[in-house]
Protein backbone atom coordinates (compact mmCIF):
# COMPACT_ATOMS: atom_id res chain seq x y z
CA GLN A 1 0.04 -0.01 0.10
CA VAL A 2 1.32 3.38 -0.93
CA GLN A 3 -0.12 6.75 0.33
CA LEU A 4 0.53 9.87 -1.68
CA ILE A 5 0.22 13.34 -0.24
CA GLU A 6 0.65 16.38 -2.47
CA SER A 7 1.61 19.87 -1.22
CA GLY A 8 2.78 23.12 -2.62
CA GLY A 9 -0.25 24.34 -4.52
CA GLY A 10 -1.52 27.73 -4.33
CA LEU A 11 -2.71 31.07 -6.03
CA VAL A 12 -0.19 32.58 -8.39
CA GLN A 13 -0.28 35.10 -11.25
CA ALA A 14 0.44 34.32 -14.83
CA GLY A 15 4.09 33.90 -15.68
CA ASP A 16 4.93 32.83 -12.12
CA SER A 17 6.61 29.64 -11.00
CA LEU A 18 5.41 27.08 -8.48
CA ARG A 19 6.65 23.72 -7.38
CA VAL A 20 4.25 21.05 -6.17
CA SER A 21 5.44 17.96 -4.29
CA CYS A 22 4.22 14.54 -3.70
CA ALA A 23 5.36 12.62 -0.72
CA ALA A 24 4.90 8.87 -0.71
CA SER A 25 4.63 6.70 2.37
CA GLY A 26 5.42 3.04 2.59
CA ARG A 27 8.28 1.12 1.34
CA ALA A 28 10.00 0.63 -1.96
CA PHE A 29 9.19 4.05 -3.55
CA SER A 30 11.88 3.29 -6.15
CA SER A 31 9.55 0.41 -7.39
CA TYR A 32 7.05 2.86 -8.70
CA ALA A 33 6.93 5.03 -11.65
CA MET A 34 5.37 8.48 -10.79
CA GLY A 35 3.11 10.71 -12.68
CA TRP A 36 1.31 14.01 -12.34
CA PHE A 37 -2.13 14.53 -13.71
CA ARG A 38 -4.56 17.48 -13.46
CA GLN A 39 -8.29 18.14 -13.62
CA ALA A 40 -9.90 21.58 -14.27
CA PRO A 41 -13.47 22.24 -13.28
CA GLY A 42 -15.80 20.75 -15.85
CA LYS A 43 -12.94 19.00 -17.84
CA GLU A 44 -11.55 15.54 -17.99
CA ARG A 45 -8.50 14.47 -16.01
CA GLU A 46 -5.50 15.00 -18.24
CA PHE A 47 -1.98 13.66 -18.05
CA VAL A 48 0.75 16.31 -17.23
CA ALA A 49 4.18 14.47 -16.78
CA ALA A 50 5.63 11.15 -15.78
CA ILE A 51 9.01 9.74 -14.60
CA SER A 52 10.40 6.27 -14.64
CA ARG A 53 11.39 4.57 -11.44
CA SER A 54 15.10 5.49 -11.95
CA GLY A 55 14.31 9.05 -12.94
CA GLY A 56 16.18 8.57 -16.21
CA SER A 57 13.12 8.83 -18.44
CA THR A 58 10.51 11.63 -18.47
CA LEU A 59 7.33 12.10 -20.43
CA TYR A 60 5.39 15.45 -20.89
CA ALA A 61 2.03 16.59 -22.29
CA ASP A 62 2.57 18.77 -25.27
CA SER A 63 0.78 21.64 -23.30
CA VAL A 64 3.48 21.73 -20.62
CA LYS A 65 6.67 20.70 -22.55
CA GLY A 66 9.36 23.24 -22.04
CA ARG A 67 7.57 24.94 -18.96
CA PHE A 68 7.21 22.01 -16.62
CA THR A 69 9.84 19.69 -15.09
CA ILE A 70 9.23 16.52 -13.30
CA SER A 71 11.82 14.98 -10.98
CA ARG A 72 12.10 12.60 -8.06
CA ASP A 73 14.22 11.92 -5.07
CA ASN A 74 14.17 8.27 -4.11
CA ALA A 75 15.92 8.92 -0.88
CA LYS A 76 13.18 11.14 0.28
CA ASN A 77 10.24 9.26 -1.38
CA THR A 78 9.17 12.41 -3.11
CA VAL A 79 8.39 13.52 -6.62
CA TYR A 80 8.17 17.01 -7.77
CA LEU A 81 6.54 19.07 -10.45
CA GLN A 82 8.49 22.48 -11.10
CA MET A 83 6.00 24.67 -13.18
CA ASN A 84 7.33 27.74 -14.77
CA SER A 85 5.64 30.37 -16.94
CA LEU A 86 2.30 29.48 -15.57
CA LYS A 87 -0.77 30.29 -17.55
CA PRO A 88 -4.35 30.73 -16.44
CA LYS A 89 -5.24 27.51 -18.41
CA ASP A 90 -2.88 25.55 -16.00
CA THR A 91 -5.45 26.17 -13.23
CA ALA A 92 -6.48 22.67 -11.90
CA VAL A 93 -6.24 20.25 -9.12
CA TYR A 94 -2.88 18.55 -9.60
CA CYS A 95 -2.70 14.83 -8.56
CA CYS A 96 0.36 12.57 -8.22
CA ALA A 97 -0.04 8.83 -9.02
CA ALA A 98 2.16 5.76 -8.57
CA ALA A 99 2.58 2.73 -10.88
CA LEU A 100 4.18 -0.51 -9.74
CA LEU A 101 6.30 -1.35 -12.74
CA LEU A 102 9.05 -3.94 -13.33
CA SER A 103 10.97 -1.72 -15.81
CA PRO A 104 13.16 0.89 -14.29
CA ASP A 105 13.29 3.14 -17.28
CA LEU A 106 9.58 3.39 -18.39
CA ALA A 107 7.47 6.46 -18.01
CA ILE A 108 3.81 6.15 -18.59
CA ASP A 109 0.97 8.49 -19.45
CA VAL A 110 -2.04 6.13 -19.19
CA PRO A 111 -4.04 6.66 -16.02
CA ARG A 112 -5.32 3.17 -15.71
CA GLN A 113 -1.78 1.79 -15.43
CA TYR A 114 -1.41 3.79 -12.12
CA ASN A 115 -2.22 1.85 -8.90
CA TYR A 116 -2.35 4.59 -6.32
CA TRP A 117 -3.55 8.24 -6.49
CA GLY A 118 -3.17 11.27 -4.12
CA GLN A 119 -5.93 13.57 -3.29
CA GLY A 120 -4.50 16.49 -5.15
CA THR A 121 -3.47 20.04 -4.51
CA GLN A 122 -5.13 23.10 -5.99
CA VAL A 123 -3.13 25.35 -8.41
CA THR A 124 -4.88 28.61 -9.42
CA VAL A 125 -3.31 30.92 -11.94
CA SER A 126 -4.73 34.38 -12.21
CA SER A 127 -4.39 36.56 -15.31
C-alpha cells in the first residue's frame, strides 16, 4: 500500500513559477513510476508529466513541454513538479500517481496503469 500526499499548490499570477511535491509513504518508492495528472472544473482529467523509477526517463504533455519539469528523489520518497511560465489554463487540481512497474526506465501516461493516487493540490493561476 502506498499513500501519496501532495503539497505546494496555491494562487499565483500568470508567468509565475510554482513547485508542487508529492510525498509517498510506505516502502519501495523506487519500485514505482510516478506521474502527475490534473483536472480543471468541468473537464476530464489529463496527463501532465511522468517519470520512470530510475528518474532517467520522463514524459510530458505537449501543453506543458518546455515549461514544466518532473523530478524525483528516491531517498526522500518524493516526486516534484516544477512549473514555470504558468498560464491561467494551467489552473486545476494536480494529483500525483504511482505505478508499480518492473521496468526501471519506463514513464507512462495512461491513467489506468497507475495503482495509487493522491488527493490533489489546487493550483490557481490568475491573469
